[in-house]
């Protein structure tokens, strides 16, 4: 999809630099990419306030003074005709944006150009931050038709987690008749995640985790790990072989389209025997409904393709994947490599919508699919961990 080219128009504020985040894996398998510092609890009792008996000019103190604005040379050289057209395009765009997001913009048309536009821009950014919970960026852009309009980039917050789906629990069910209905229902869910959603599988060479497992294996064989510690070396190589065998076995199972054809039937015939079955059935049923509501959608549908060429950006295919397990000596090594590798990224690719308010109809796009999908994936990972 082609979007209007963004230019520096002289109205935008300075963009903040994004700082690098630290990786902090947790046991449950959804690894947080940054540690959140805990704020000290605030005293519930407010400090008593006192005031003077002297009457002062409160009206002066309540007066809001407009900040000074530095106007770029590009704007000062604009002709009166260009200024008038810029104001017309901008306020038309502002009205469309305000109507779309159901916000009331500040009235600034009576102010002098270009301060009126700068103030309106500041105001609408502040109000959208409140409406969209900070997950948006507002820009003033110039379209190919030379219109000065507003654009909004909405981003779905994935909470800086690594969504790695463990398959080891499913593998242990394969030869146990007691789990027959459970395993075939998981086959349907996993097939949907692999075939339709597009989640990478760690045994396929283009997957990020394939590289991690393969690199760990090479380091051990070449003696760069466990130098002199034969016990840990043997144990880790054994676990790598097991992960490869488990992955190859499960991958063949979930590649079959039959798992999707029989998904509804498996839900209808499923008999809940315990709490695990109850949770799994609820998750599988909701995933099935998500598939019915969005039969042709995958999780990468709104991924910004420009991020793929940014070496400092953690792309979605790196924090979404099937993995073998969260336990064992091998996983400890994988976690350490993840910490070292992912800590170099300063940005994170997340589902993003770009909306341009140029008078044309805005596409009916939202994050309903992403919201339901990531919540369900979170629950599935916790269940299987």
Protein backbone atom coordinates (compact mmCIF):
# COMPACT_ATOMS: atom_id res chain seq x y z
CA UNK A 1 0.00 0.00 0.00
CA UNK A 2 1.41 3.37 -0.99
CA UNK A 3 1.08 6.22 1.46
CA UNK A 4 1.65 9.91 0.94
CA UNK A 5 5.24 10.95 1.41
CA UNK A 6 5.90 12.70 4.68
CA UNK A 7 7.83 15.96 4.59
CA UNK A 8 9.10 18.28 7.27
CA UNK A 9 6.62 21.13 6.94
CA UNK A 10 7.96 23.28 9.74
CA UNK A 11 5.10 22.51 12.12
CA UNK A 12 6.24 19.15 13.58
CA UNK A 13 8.00 19.02 16.91
CA UNK A 14 11.37 17.33 17.33
CA UNK A 15 11.15 13.53 17.24
CA UNK A 16 12.37 11.80 20.39
CA UNK A 17 15.18 9.27 20.17
CA UNK A 18 14.21 5.69 21.01
CA UNK A 19 16.42 4.09 23.62
CA UNK A 20 17.50 0.46 23.49
CA UNK A 21 15.59 -1.97 25.67
CA UNK A 22 16.97 -4.84 27.72
CA UNK A 23 15.74 -8.39 27.34
CA UNK A 24 14.55 -10.19 30.46
CA UNK A 25 13.20 -13.72 29.80
CA UNK A 26 10.74 -15.11 32.31
CA UNK A 27 9.88 -18.72 33.06
CA UNK A 28 6.34 -18.66 31.70
CA UNK A 29 7.59 -18.36 28.14
CA UNK A 30 6.30 -14.94 27.18
CA UNK A 31 9.54 -13.08 27.59
CA UNK A 32 9.41 -9.40 28.48
CA UNK A 33 11.77 -7.25 26.44
CA UNK A 34 12.23 -4.69 29.16
CA UNK A 35 12.13 -4.65 32.91
CA UNK A 36 9.51 -2.29 34.29
CA UNK A 37 10.67 -0.45 37.35
CA UNK A 38 8.22 -0.44 40.23
CA UNK A 39 7.14 2.98 41.36
CA UNK A 40 7.12 3.58 45.10
CA UNK A 41 3.64 3.61 46.52
CA UNK A 42 2.27 7.05 47.12
CA UNK A 43 0.98 8.15 50.47
CA UNK A 44 -2.79 8.01 50.34
CA UNK A 45 -2.98 11.01 52.68
CA UNK A 46 -2.42 14.26 50.88
CA UNK A 47 -0.24 16.85 52.49
CA UNK A 48 -2.25 19.62 54.03
CA UNK A 49 -2.13 22.86 52.09
CA UNK A 50 -2.04 26.34 53.48
CA UNK A 51 -2.62 29.70 51.90
CA UNK A 52 -1.98 33.29 52.77
CA UNK A 53 -4.70 35.70 53.78
CA UNK A 54 -3.28 38.32 51.46
CA UNK A 55 -5.36 38.93 48.34
CA UNK A 56 -3.34 38.61 45.14
CA UNK A 57 -4.05 38.95 41.43
CA UNK A 58 -5.36 35.42 40.91
CA UNK A 59 -6.68 36.35 37.50
CA UNK A 60 -3.15 36.94 36.28
CA UNK A 61 -1.98 33.57 37.59
CA UNK A 62 -4.84 31.76 35.89
CA UNK A 63 -4.09 33.33 32.52
CA UNK A 64 -2.62 30.98 29.92
CA UNK A 65 0.04 32.53 27.74
CA UNK A 66 0.69 31.08 24.31
CA UNK A 67 4.28 29.84 23.91
CA UNK A 68 6.58 31.51 21.48
CA UNK A 69 7.08 29.74 18.20
CA UNK A 70 10.10 29.68 15.97
CA UNK A 71 8.98 29.83 12.35
CA UNK A 72 11.15 28.12 9.77
CA UNK A 73 12.56 30.05 6.85
CA UNK A 74 10.57 27.85 4.48
CA UNK A 75 7.29 29.06 5.98
CA UNK A 76 8.27 32.73 6.11
CA UNK A 77 8.94 32.66 2.35
CA UNK A 78 5.49 31.29 1.53
CA UNK A 79 3.22 33.53 -0.49
CA UNK A 80 -0.14 34.66 0.88
CA UNK A 81 -1.87 32.35 -1.61
CA UNK A 82 0.11 29.33 -0.40
CA UNK A 83 -0.57 30.21 3.23
CA UNK A 84 -4.31 30.48 2.60
CA UNK A 85 -4.41 27.15 0.78
CA UNK A 86 -2.34 25.49 3.50
CA UNK A 87 -4.76 26.70 6.17
CA UNK A 88 -7.75 25.53 4.12
CA UNK A 89 -6.29 22.04 3.56
CA UNK A 90 -5.16 21.67 7.15
CA UNK A 91 -8.44 22.64 8.82
CA UNK A 92 -10.42 20.49 6.41
CA UNK A 93 -8.19 17.59 7.37
CA UNK A 94 -8.48 18.45 11.06
CA UNK A 95 -12.28 18.39 10.93
CA UNK A 96 -12.24 14.97 9.25
CA UNK A 97 -9.78 13.60 11.82
CA UNK A 98 -11.75 15.02 14.77
CA UNK A 99 -14.97 13.55 13.44
CA UNK A 100 -13.34 10.16 12.88
CA UNK A 101 -11.91 9.90 16.40
CA UNK A 102 -14.81 11.71 18.09
CA UNK A 103 -12.68 14.46 19.63
CA UNK A 104 -13.26 18.21 19.81
CA UNK A 105 -10.34 20.25 18.47
CA UNK A 106 -9.33 23.61 19.85
CA UNK A 107 -10.54 26.60 17.86
CA UNK A 108 -7.46 28.28 16.43
CA UNK A 109 -8.60 29.60 13.04
CA UNK A 110 -8.72 33.16 14.39
CA UNK A 111 -5.02 33.14 15.26
CA UNK A 112 -2.22 34.30 13.01
CA UNK A 113 -0.61 31.88 10.54
CA UNK A 114 1.37 29.69 11.09
CA UNK A 115 0.83 29.73 14.86
CA UNK A 116 -2.81 28.70 14.41
CA UNK A 117 -1.79 25.47 12.70
CA UNK A 118 0.99 24.74 15.18
CA UNK A 119 -1.34 25.17 18.15
CA UNK A 120 -4.09 23.06 16.56
CA UNK A 121 -1.53 20.37 15.81
CA UNK A 122 -0.27 20.35 19.39
CA UNK A 123 -3.83 20.17 20.71
CA UNK A 124 -4.96 17.28 18.49
CA UNK A 125 -1.84 15.26 19.32
CA UNK A 126 -2.55 15.66 23.02
CA UNK A 127 -6.18 14.63 22.67
CA UNK A 128 -5.39 11.57 20.54
CA UNK A 129 -2.85 10.46 23.14
CA UNK A 130 -5.72 10.36 25.63
CA UNK A 131 -8.09 8.64 23.18
CA UNK A 132 -5.69 6.00 21.79
CA UNK A 133 -3.66 5.37 24.98
CA UNK A 134 -0.39 6.81 23.64
CA UNK A 135 -0.12 4.21 20.86
CA UNK A 136 -0.25 6.72 18.02
CA UNK A 137 1.74 9.30 16.15
CA UNK A 138 0.24 12.32 14.44
CA UNK A 139 2.05 14.01 11.57
CA UNK A 140 1.50 16.91 9.24
CA UNK A 141 2.36 15.69 5.75
CA UNK A 142 2.25 16.97 2.20
CA UNK A 143 0.52 14.63 -0.23
CA UNK A 144 1.35 14.00 -3.86
CA UNK A 145 -1.42 16.49 -4.69
CA UNK A 146 0.48 19.12 -2.66
CA UNK A 147 -2.11 19.14 0.12
CA UNK A 148 -1.06 19.83 3.70
CA UNK A 149 -3.00 17.28 5.76
CA UNK A 150 -2.85 15.26 8.95
CA UNK A 151 -1.94 11.58 9.13
CA UNK A 152 -2.18 9.21 12.09
CA UNK A 153 -0.19 6.04 12.70
CA UNK A 154 -1.90 3.73 15.18
CA UNK A 155 0.23 0.97 16.70
CA UNK A 156 -0.96 -2.17 18.45
CA UNK A 157 1.03 -2.65 21.66
CA UNK A 158 2.28 -6.25 21.94
CA UNK A 159 3.55 -5.52 25.48
CA UNK A 160 7.17 -6.21 24.46
CA UNK A 161 6.79 -9.99 24.83
CA UNK A 162 8.33 -12.89 22.97
CA UNK A 163 5.41 -15.10 22.00
CA UNK A 164 7.06 -18.53 21.79
CA UNK A 165 4.62 -21.47 21.61
CA UNK A 166 6.08 -24.64 23.22
CA UNK A 167 5.29 -27.95 21.50
CA UNK A 168 6.81 -30.36 24.02
CA UNK A 169 3.49 -30.90 25.86
CA UNK A 170 1.79 -31.93 22.63
CA UNK A 171 4.62 -34.31 21.76
CA UNK A 172 4.22 -36.11 25.10
CA UNK A 173 0.55 -36.75 24.25
CA UNK A 174 1.21 -38.45 20.92
CA UNK A 175 1.47 -42.05 22.14
CA UNK A 176 -0.95 -41.72 25.05
CA UNK A 177 -4.50 -42.84 24.19
CA UNK A 178 -5.83 -40.95 27.20
CA UNK A 179 -5.04 -37.67 25.45
CA UNK A 180 -6.38 -38.59 21.99
CA UNK A 181 -9.07 -35.90 21.78
CA UNK A 182 -6.78 -33.34 23.43
CA UNK A 183 -3.91 -33.82 21.00
CA UNK A 184 -6.05 -33.72 17.85
CA UNK A 185 -7.69 -30.49 19.06
CA UNK A 186 -4.21 -29.05 19.61
CA UNK A 187 -3.29 -30.19 16.09
CA UNK A 188 -6.11 -28.00 14.77
CA UNK A 189 -5.02 -24.99 16.80
CA UNK A 190 -1.35 -25.41 15.88
CA UNK A 191 -2.22 -25.90 12.20
CA UNK A 192 -4.15 -22.65 12.25
CA UNK A 193 -1.26 -20.80 13.89
CA UNK A 194 1.26 -22.29 11.45
CA UNK A 195 -0.67 -22.38 8.16
CA UNK A 196 -3.01 -19.39 8.46
CA UNK A 197 -1.44 -17.03 10.96
CA UNK A 198 2.08 -17.61 9.65
CA UNK A 199 3.93 -18.22 12.93
CA UNK A 200 7.46 -19.47 12.12
CA UNK A 201 8.45 -22.99 13.18
CA UNK A 202 11.86 -23.47 14.77
CA UNK A 203 12.78 -26.45 12.57
CA UNK A 204 12.47 -24.47 9.33
CA UNK A 205 15.67 -22.83 8.15
CA UNK A 206 14.19 -19.37 7.66
CA UNK A 207 13.00 -19.20 11.30
CA UNK A 208 14.91 -17.06 13.79
CA UNK A 209 14.92 -19.82 16.41
CA UNK A 210 16.36 -22.29 13.88
CA UNK A 211 19.40 -20.07 13.71
CA UNK A 212 19.65 -19.92 17.52
CA UNK A 213 19.44 -23.71 17.95
CA UNK A 214 21.86 -24.30 15.06
CA UNK A 215 24.36 -21.73 16.32
CA UNK A 216 24.27 -23.21 19.83
CA UNK A 217 24.94 -26.66 18.40
CA UNK A 218 27.91 -25.40 16.36
CA UNK A 219 29.42 -23.58 19.34
CA UNK A 220 29.25 -26.71 21.49
CA UNK A 221 30.75 -28.97 18.82
CA UNK A 222 33.54 -26.47 18.11
CA UNK A 223 34.37 -26.20 21.81
CA UNK A 224 33.30 -22.59 22.30
CA UNK A 225 30.82 -23.70 24.99
CA UNK A 226 31.36 -25.87 28.06
CA UNK A 227 35.12 -25.97 27.61
CA UNK A 228 36.17 -28.95 29.73
CA UNK A 229 32.66 -29.55 31.07
CA UNK A 230 31.84 -32.77 29.26
CA UNK A 231 28.75 -33.47 31.35
CA UNK A 232 26.96 -30.26 30.37
CA UNK A 233 28.22 -30.56 26.80
CA UNK A 234 26.80 -34.08 26.43
CA UNK A 235 23.50 -33.12 28.08
CA UNK A 236 22.98 -30.06 25.87
CA UNK A 237 23.76 -31.95 22.66
CA UNK A 238 21.32 -34.62 23.77
CA UNK A 239 18.61 -32.00 24.32
CA UNK A 240 19.32 -30.44 20.91
CA UNK A 241 18.85 -33.83 19.23
CA UNK A 242 15.61 -34.30 21.14
CA UNK A 243 14.36 -30.84 20.12
CA UNK A 244 15.14 -31.58 16.48
CA UNK A 245 13.30 -34.90 16.59
CA UNK A 246 10.30 -33.43 18.46
CA UNK A 247 10.12 -30.48 16.08
CA UNK A 248 10.30 -32.60 12.92
CA UNK A 249 7.58 -34.92 14.28
CA UNK A 250 5.14 -32.16 15.26
CA UNK A 251 5.78 -30.13 12.10
CA UNK A 252 4.64 -33.04 9.92
CA UNK A 253 1.46 -33.30 11.99
CA UNK A 254 0.43 -29.66 11.84
CA UNK A 255 1.23 -29.14 8.16
CA UNK A 256 -1.86 -31.15 7.22
CA UNK A 257 -4.87 -29.20 5.99
CA UNK A 258 -7.07 -31.96 7.47
CA UNK A 259 -6.61 -30.45 10.92
CA UNK A 260 -8.51 -27.37 9.78
CA UNK A 261 -11.19 -29.34 7.92
CA UNK A 262 -12.04 -31.31 11.07
CA UNK A 263 -11.61 -28.48 13.57
CA UNK A 264 -15.31 -27.79 14.13
CA UNK A 265 -16.07 -31.50 14.42
CA UNK A 266 -13.32 -31.93 17.00
CA UNK A 267 -14.77 -29.07 19.04
CA UNK A 268 -18.27 -30.52 18.91
CA UNK A 269 -17.14 -33.97 20.05
CA UNK A 270 -14.67 -32.77 22.68
CA UNK A 271 -15.34 -34.04 26.20
CA UNK A 272 -13.90 -32.02 29.07
CA UNK A 273 -12.26 -34.27 31.66
CA UNK A 274 -10.16 -31.87 33.71
CA UNK A 275 -9.16 -28.24 34.14
CA UNK A 276 -6.54 -28.45 31.39
CA UNK A 277 -9.18 -29.71 28.94
CA UNK A 278 -11.54 -26.96 30.01
CA UNK A 279 -8.99 -24.20 29.35
CA UNK A 280 -7.84 -25.77 26.10
CA UNK A 281 -11.38 -26.11 24.80
CA UNK A 282 -12.11 -22.44 25.56
CA UNK A 283 -8.94 -21.30 23.78
CA UNK A 284 -9.48 -23.60 20.78
CA UNK A 285 -13.11 -22.49 20.44
CA UNK A 286 -12.12 -18.81 20.47
CA UNK A 287 -9.33 -19.39 17.95
CA UNK A 288 -11.85 -21.19 15.73
CA UNK A 289 -14.24 -18.24 15.96
CA UNK A 290 -11.39 -15.87 15.15
CA UNK A 291 -10.70 -17.93 12.02
CA UNK A 292 -14.38 -17.73 11.03
CA UNK A 293 -14.47 -13.96 11.56
CA UNK A 294 -11.16 -13.36 9.76
CA UNK A 295 -10.66 -16.32 7.39
CA UNK A 296 -7.95 -14.66 5.28
CA UNK A 297 -6.00 -12.67 7.83
CA UNK A 298 -2.56 -13.34 9.28
CA UNK A 299 -0.74 -11.67 12.14
CA UNK A 300 1.68 -9.86 9.80
CA UNK A 301 -1.06 -8.05 7.87
CA UNK A 302 -0.25 -4.62 9.34
CA UNK A 303 3.47 -5.09 9.92
CA UNK A 304 5.38 -2.09 8.62
CA UNK A 305 7.55 -3.45 5.76
CA UNK A 306 10.05 -0.61 6.19
CA UNK A 307 11.10 -2.11 9.55
CA UNK A 308 12.47 -5.18 7.76
CA UNK A 309 15.30 -3.09 6.33
CA UNK A 310 16.17 -1.53 9.69
CA UNK A 311 18.96 -3.44 11.43
CA UNK A 312 18.00 -1.87 14.77
CA UNK A 313 14.39 -3.07 14.61
CA UNK A 314 13.19 -6.32 16.18
CA UNK A 315 10.85 -7.71 13.50
CA UNK A 316 7.72 -9.70 14.29
CA UNK A 317 9.10 -12.96 12.92
CA UNK A 318 11.69 -12.90 15.74
CA UNK A 319 9.28 -12.56 18.66
CA UNK A 320 6.60 -14.89 17.23
CA UNK A 321 7.55 -18.56 16.88
CA UNK A 322 7.02 -22.17 17.80
CA UNK A 323 9.68 -23.50 20.14
CA UNK A 324 10.41 -26.86 21.73
CA UNK A 325 10.33 -26.27 25.47
CA UNK A 326 11.07 -23.76 28.23
CA UNK A 327 13.00 -26.20 30.41
CA UNK A 328 16.43 -27.82 30.41
CA UNK A 329 20.09 -26.90 30.06
CA UNK A 330 19.59 -26.07 26.38
CA UNK A 331 16.88 -23.55 27.13
CA UNK A 332 19.17 -21.81 29.63
CA UNK A 333 21.71 -21.35 26.84
CA UNK A 334 19.03 -20.17 24.40
CA UNK A 335 17.83 -17.59 26.95
CA UNK A 336 21.36 -16.26 27.37
CA UNK A 337 21.83 -15.93 23.61
CA UNK A 338 18.42 -14.25 23.33
CA UNK A 339 19.41 -11.69 25.95
CA UNK A 340 22.63 -10.87 24.13
CA UNK A 341 21.12 -10.82 20.65
CA UNK A 342 17.87 -8.98 21.27
CA UNK A 343 19.37 -6.33 23.54
CA UNK A 344 20.95 -4.62 20.52
CA UNK A 345 17.57 -3.66 19.06
CA UNK A 346 16.29 -0.16 19.76
CA UNK A 347 12.95 -0.51 17.95
CA UNK A 348 10.22 -3.11 17.70
CA UNK A 349 8.04 -3.91 14.71
CA UNK A 350 4.39 -4.02 15.71
CA UNK A 351 1.08 -3.98 13.80
CA UNK A 352 0.60 -0.41 12.57
CA UNK A 353 -2.24 1.35 10.76
CA UNK A 354 -1.60 4.46 8.66
CA UNK A 355 -4.56 6.77 8.14
CA UNK A 356 -4.40 9.91 5.99
CA UNK A 357 -7.11 12.53 6.40
CA UNK A 358 -7.17 14.09 2.96
CA UNK A 359 -10.93 14.24 2.41
CA UNK A 360 -11.18 10.71 1.07
CA UNK A 361 -12.96 7.87 2.85
CA UNK A 362 -10.86 6.28 5.59
CA UNK A 363 -10.57 2.46 5.24
CA UNK A 364 -12.43 0.50 7.92
CA UNK A 365 -9.35 -0.88 9.65
CA UNK A 366 -8.84 -1.68 13.32
CA UNK A 367 -6.96 -4.01 15.66
CA UNK A 368 -9.84 -6.27 16.67
CA UNK A 369 -8.10 -9.27 15.10
CA UNK A 370 -4.75 -8.47 16.73
CA UNK A 371 -6.33 -7.86 20.13
CA UNK A 372 -8.15 -11.18 20.14
CA UNK A 373 -5.23 -13.09 18.63
CA UNK A 374 -2.50 -11.95 21.04
CA UNK A 375 -4.74 -12.43 24.07
CA UNK A 376 -5.52 -15.99 22.99
CA UNK A 377 -1.89 -16.72 22.15
CA UNK A 378 -0.88 -15.50 25.59
CA UNK A 379 -3.36 -17.90 27.21
CA UNK A 380 -2.24 -20.82 25.03
CA UNK A 381 1.42 -20.31 25.90
CA UNK A 382 0.66 -20.11 29.61
CA UNK A 383 -1.37 -23.31 29.37
CA UNK A 384 1.37 -25.27 27.58
CA UNK A 385 4.36 -23.87 29.48
